[in-house]
Structures are given as C-alpha cells and as structure tokens.
Amino acid sequence: MKEVMRKLCSPLLGMFESGEGEYDYKPSYRTILIVLGLLCLVISLISFIMTFMTGQFAGVIPILLFFLTGVVCEVVGWLGNDRAVARIWKRS
C-alpha cells in the first residue's frame, strides 16, 4: 500500500527526495514533521468550521494555506525517505 501511495505522491516527493551528497537526519525530525502536519490540518479544520458558521468566506485563504501545508508535511513525514525529511528542514 505504501508503494502505491508513494507512486501517487511521486511529483511531490520528487521535489524533496532529489539531490546528492550528505544530509543531516534524526528520527525526531520525522516525528516533528508529522505533528506539525497534524496541527496544520487541525487549524485548517477549525478555520473551515468557523468560516462556515459565520458565513464570512474571507477565511478561505487560511484554510487553503494550512491545509496544503498539513498535507505536504504528512505526505513527506509518512511516505518520504530520510533525505526528503532532512530537506524539508533544510538539513541537506
């Protein structure tokens, strides 16, 4: 299943997994990335609920920004290799 998801997300993962040379990776980077992605998705959900309840659709921009940030963090955190995680933290 993971390989199917990696193939589906290959355009996104390719941006972070490309490159050569040394990179600095610690397992805690992956954990922090997954937690950050989860927090961004929660903020996006809360913004969506508040926007829907108030009817003020100016909240669409924060919803999209937090949602996209959360999705990228989760995809790289769960499916990316060590280089991708290090690169998202600029450790390569």
N, C-alpha and C. Protein backbone atom coordinates (compact mmCIF):
# COMPACT_ATOMS: atom_id res chain seq x y z
N MET A 1 0.82 -1.19 0.00
CA MET A 1 0.00 0.00 0.00
C MET A 1 0.87 1.26 0.00
N LYS A 2 1.97 1.18 0.76
CA LYS A 2 2.85 2.35 0.84
C LYS A 2 3.46 2.66 -0.53
N GLU A 3 3.80 1.64 -1.28
CA GLU A 3 4.39 1.87 -2.61
C GLU A 3 3.38 2.50 -3.57
N VAL A 4 2.12 2.11 -3.46
CA VAL A 4 1.08 2.72 -4.30
C VAL A 4 0.93 4.20 -3.94
N MET A 5 0.93 4.51 -2.66
CA MET A 5 0.82 5.91 -2.23
C MET A 5 2.06 6.70 -2.63
N ARG A 6 3.24 6.08 -2.54
CA ARG A 6 4.47 6.77 -2.96
C ARG A 6 4.42 7.09 -4.46
N LYS A 7 3.90 6.16 -5.24
CA LYS A 7 3.79 6.39 -6.68
C LYS A 7 2.78 7.50 -6.97
N LEU A 8 1.69 7.52 -6.22
CA LEU A 8 0.67 8.55 -6.40
C LEU A 8 1.20 9.93 -6.01
N CYS A 9 2.03 9.99 -4.99
CA CYS A 9 2.57 11.26 -4.50
C CYS A 9 3.97 11.54 -5.03
N SER A 10 4.39 10.84 -6.05
CA SER A 10 5.76 10.99 -6.56
C SER A 10 6.10 12.40 -7.05
N PRO A 11 5.18 13.17 -7.65
CA PRO A 11 5.58 14.54 -8.02
C PRO A 11 5.97 15.38 -6.81
N LEU A 12 5.23 15.25 -5.73
CA LEU A 12 5.55 16.00 -4.52
C LEU A 12 6.81 15.47 -3.86
N LEU A 13 6.91 14.16 -3.74
CA LEU A 13 8.08 13.57 -3.08
C LEU A 13 9.35 13.79 -3.89
N GLY A 14 9.23 13.83 -5.21
CA GLY A 14 10.39 14.04 -6.06
C GLY A 14 11.09 15.36 -5.79
N MET A 15 10.32 16.39 -5.43
CA MET A 15 10.92 17.69 -5.13
C MET A 15 11.83 17.63 -3.92
N PHE A 16 11.47 16.80 -2.94
CA PHE A 16 12.23 16.75 -1.70
C PHE A 16 13.25 15.62 -1.66
N GLU A 17 13.04 14.56 -2.44
CA GLU A 17 13.95 13.42 -2.41
C GLU A 17 15.11 13.55 -3.38
N SER A 18 15.07 14.52 -4.26
CA SER A 18 16.15 14.67 -5.23
C SER A 18 17.38 15.28 -4.57
N GLY A 19 18.51 15.10 -5.18
CA GLY A 19 19.75 15.66 -4.68
C GLY A 19 20.75 14.59 -4.32
N GLU A 20 21.97 15.02 -4.16
CA GLU A 20 23.05 14.12 -3.81
C GLU A 20 23.84 14.70 -2.67
N GLY A 21 24.69 13.91 -2.11
CA GLY A 21 25.57 14.38 -1.04
C GLY A 21 25.03 14.05 0.33
N GLU A 22 25.69 14.58 1.31
CA GLU A 22 25.36 14.31 2.70
C GLU A 22 24.14 15.11 3.14
N TYR A 23 23.46 14.57 4.12
CA TYR A 23 22.34 15.28 4.73
C TYR A 23 22.28 14.91 6.20
N ASP A 24 21.76 15.81 7.01
CA ASP A 24 21.69 15.61 8.45
C ASP A 24 20.26 15.21 8.80
N TYR A 25 20.08 13.97 9.26
CA TYR A 25 18.76 13.44 9.57
C TYR A 25 18.75 12.84 10.96
N LYS A 26 17.70 13.13 11.70
CA LYS A 26 17.45 12.50 13.00
C LYS A 26 16.00 12.01 12.99
N PRO A 27 15.72 10.90 13.61
CA PRO A 27 14.33 10.40 13.64
C PRO A 27 13.33 11.39 14.22
N SER A 28 13.79 12.26 15.11
CA SER A 28 12.88 13.24 15.70
C SER A 28 12.39 14.23 14.65
N TYR A 29 13.16 14.47 13.58
CA TYR A 29 12.71 15.37 12.51
C TYR A 29 11.42 14.84 11.89
N ARG A 30 11.35 13.54 11.67
CA ARG A 30 10.15 12.94 11.07
C ARG A 30 8.96 13.07 12.03
N THR A 31 9.18 12.82 13.31
CA THR A 31 8.11 12.92 14.30
C THR A 31 7.58 14.34 14.37
N ILE A 32 8.47 15.31 14.42
CA ILE A 32 8.08 16.71 14.49
C ILE A 32 7.32 17.11 13.24
N LEU A 33 7.75 16.63 12.09
CA LEU A 33 7.09 16.94 10.82
C LEU A 33 5.67 16.40 10.79
N ILE A 34 5.47 15.20 11.27
CA ILE A 34 4.14 14.60 11.31
C ILE A 34 3.23 15.36 12.28
N VAL A 35 3.76 15.74 13.44
CA VAL A 35 2.97 16.51 14.41
C VAL A 35 2.63 17.88 13.85
N LEU A 36 3.59 18.53 13.19
CA LEU A 36 3.34 19.84 12.58
C LEU A 36 2.25 19.73 11.52
N GLY A 37 2.30 18.69 10.70
CA GLY A 37 1.28 18.49 9.69
C GLY A 37 -0.09 18.29 10.31
N LEU A 38 -0.14 17.52 11.39
CA LEU A 38 -1.41 17.30 12.08
C LEU A 38 -1.96 18.60 12.64
N LEU A 39 -1.10 19.41 13.24
CA LEU A 39 -1.54 20.69 13.78
C LEU A 39 -2.07 21.61 12.69
N CYS A 40 -1.40 21.63 11.54
CA CYS A 40 -1.87 22.47 10.42
C CYS A 40 -3.22 21.99 9.91
N LEU A 41 -3.42 20.68 9.86
CA LEU A 41 -4.72 20.15 9.43
C LEU A 41 -5.82 20.49 10.44
N VAL A 42 -5.50 20.46 11.72
CA VAL A 42 -6.49 20.82 12.75
C VAL A 42 -6.84 22.30 12.63
N ILE A 43 -5.84 23.16 12.44
CA ILE A 43 -6.10 24.60 12.27
C ILE A 43 -6.95 24.83 11.02
N SER A 44 -6.68 24.09 9.97
CA SER A 44 -7.46 24.22 8.75
C SER A 44 -8.91 23.81 9.00
N LEU A 45 -9.12 22.73 9.73
CA LEU A 45 -10.47 22.27 10.03
C LEU A 45 -11.22 23.29 10.90
N ILE A 46 -10.55 23.81 11.90
CA ILE A 46 -11.18 24.82 12.76
C ILE A 46 -11.52 26.07 11.95
N SER A 47 -10.63 26.49 11.07
CA SER A 47 -10.91 27.65 10.22
C SER A 47 -12.09 27.39 9.31
N PHE A 48 -12.18 26.17 8.77
CA PHE A 48 -13.30 25.82 7.91
C PHE A 48 -14.62 25.88 8.68
N ILE A 49 -14.62 25.33 9.88
CA ILE A 49 -15.84 25.34 10.70
C ILE A 49 -16.26 26.76 11.04
N MET A 50 -15.29 27.58 11.44
CA MET A 50 -15.61 28.97 11.79
C MET A 50 -16.09 29.76 10.57
N THR A 51 -15.46 29.52 9.43
CA THR A 51 -15.88 30.20 8.20
C THR A 51 -17.30 29.78 7.82
N PHE A 52 -17.60 28.51 7.94
CA PHE A 52 -18.93 28.01 7.61
C PHE A 52 -19.98 28.56 8.57
N MET A 53 -19.64 28.63 9.87
CA MET A 53 -20.61 29.11 10.87
C MET A 53 -20.89 30.60 10.72
N THR A 54 -19.87 31.38 10.41
CA THR A 54 -20.06 32.83 10.33
C THR A 54 -20.50 33.28 8.94
N GLY A 55 -20.25 32.49 7.94
CA GLY A 55 -20.63 32.89 6.58
C GLY A 55 -19.68 33.89 5.96
N GLN A 56 -18.57 34.17 6.62
CA GLN A 56 -17.56 35.09 6.10
C GLN A 56 -16.52 34.29 5.34
N PHE A 57 -16.57 34.34 4.04
CA PHE A 57 -15.71 33.48 3.25
C PHE A 57 -14.31 34.05 3.01
N ALA A 58 -13.93 35.02 3.80
CA ALA A 58 -12.56 35.52 3.73
C ALA A 58 -11.60 34.52 4.38
N GLY A 59 -12.12 33.54 5.07
CA GLY A 59 -11.30 32.54 5.71
C GLY A 59 -10.82 31.45 4.77
N VAL A 60 -11.15 31.57 3.49
CA VAL A 60 -10.75 30.54 2.53
C VAL A 60 -9.23 30.49 2.36
N ILE A 61 -8.58 31.62 2.38
CA ILE A 61 -7.12 31.66 2.18
C ILE A 61 -6.39 30.94 3.31
N PRO A 62 -6.69 31.23 4.58
CA PRO A 62 -6.01 30.47 5.65
C PRO A 62 -6.35 28.98 5.61
N ILE A 63 -7.59 28.66 5.24
CA ILE A 63 -7.96 27.25 5.15
C ILE A 63 -7.07 26.55 4.13
N LEU A 64 -6.94 27.13 2.95
CA LEU A 64 -6.12 26.51 1.90
C LEU A 64 -4.65 26.44 2.29
N LEU A 65 -4.11 27.51 2.86
CA LEU A 65 -2.70 27.52 3.22
C LEU A 65 -2.38 26.48 4.29
N PHE A 66 -3.18 26.43 5.34
CA PHE A 66 -2.92 25.46 6.40
C PHE A 66 -3.18 24.04 5.92
N PHE A 67 -4.20 23.85 5.08
CA PHE A 67 -4.49 22.51 4.57
C PHE A 67 -3.36 22.00 3.68
N LEU A 68 -2.88 22.83 2.76
CA LEU A 68 -1.79 22.42 1.88
C LEU A 68 -0.51 22.16 2.65
N THR A 69 -0.22 23.02 3.62
CA THR A 69 0.97 22.81 4.46
C THR A 69 0.86 21.50 5.23
N GLY A 70 -0.31 21.23 5.78
CA GLY A 70 -0.53 19.99 6.51
C GLY A 70 -0.40 18.76 5.64
N VAL A 71 -0.95 18.83 4.43
CA VAL A 71 -0.86 17.69 3.52
C VAL A 71 0.58 17.42 3.11
N VAL A 72 1.32 18.47 2.79
CA VAL A 72 2.73 18.29 2.40
C VAL A 72 3.52 17.70 3.56
N CYS A 73 3.32 18.20 4.75
CA CYS A 73 4.05 17.67 5.91
C CYS A 73 3.70 16.21 6.16
N GLU A 74 2.44 15.86 6.06
CA GLU A 74 2.03 14.47 6.30
C GLU A 74 2.56 13.54 5.21
N VAL A 75 2.49 13.95 3.96
CA VAL A 75 2.98 13.10 2.87
C VAL A 75 4.48 12.87 3.01
N VAL A 76 5.23 13.92 3.24
CA VAL A 76 6.68 13.77 3.38
C VAL A 76 7.02 13.02 4.67
N GLY A 77 6.29 13.28 5.74
CA GLY A 77 6.56 12.60 7.01
C GLY A 77 6.28 11.11 6.97
N TRP A 78 5.19 10.70 6.32
CA TRP A 78 4.82 9.29 6.30
C TRP A 78 5.43 8.54 5.14
N LEU A 79 5.55 9.18 3.97
CA LEU A 79 5.97 8.46 2.77
C LEU A 79 7.38 8.79 2.29
N GLY A 80 7.91 9.92 2.69
CA GLY A 80 9.21 10.36 2.19
C GLY A 80 10.37 9.61 2.82
N ASN A 81 11.49 9.60 2.10
CA ASN A 81 12.68 8.97 2.66
C ASN A 81 13.38 9.95 3.60
N ASP A 82 14.49 9.52 4.18
CA ASP A 82 15.20 10.35 5.15
C ASP A 82 15.70 11.65 4.52
N ARG A 83 16.13 11.59 3.26
CA ARG A 83 16.60 12.79 2.57
C ARG A 83 15.47 13.82 2.43
N ALA A 84 14.26 13.36 2.14
CA ALA A 84 13.12 14.27 1.98
C ALA A 84 12.81 14.97 3.29
N VAL A 85 12.85 14.23 4.38
CA VAL A 85 12.58 14.82 5.69
C VAL A 85 13.66 15.83 6.05
N ALA A 86 14.92 15.48 5.81
CA ALA A 86 16.02 16.41 6.10
C ALA A 86 15.94 17.64 5.21
N ARG A 87 15.53 17.45 3.97
CA ARG A 87 15.48 18.58 3.04
C ARG A 87 14.35 19.54 3.38
N ILE A 88 13.25 19.02 3.88
CA ILE A 88 12.16 19.92 4.25
C ILE A 88 12.57 20.79 5.45
N TRP A 89 13.50 20.29 6.27
CA TRP A 89 14.04 21.08 7.37
C TRP A 89 15.30 21.82 6.94
N LYS A 90 15.69 21.73 5.68
CA LYS A 90 16.89 22.39 5.14
C LYS A 90 18.15 21.89 5.82
N ARG A 91 18.23 20.60 6.02
CA ARG A 91 19.40 19.98 6.64
C ARG A 91 20.22 19.19 5.64
N SER A 92 20.06 19.48 4.34
CA SER A 92 20.84 18.73 3.36
C SER A 92 21.74 19.66 2.60
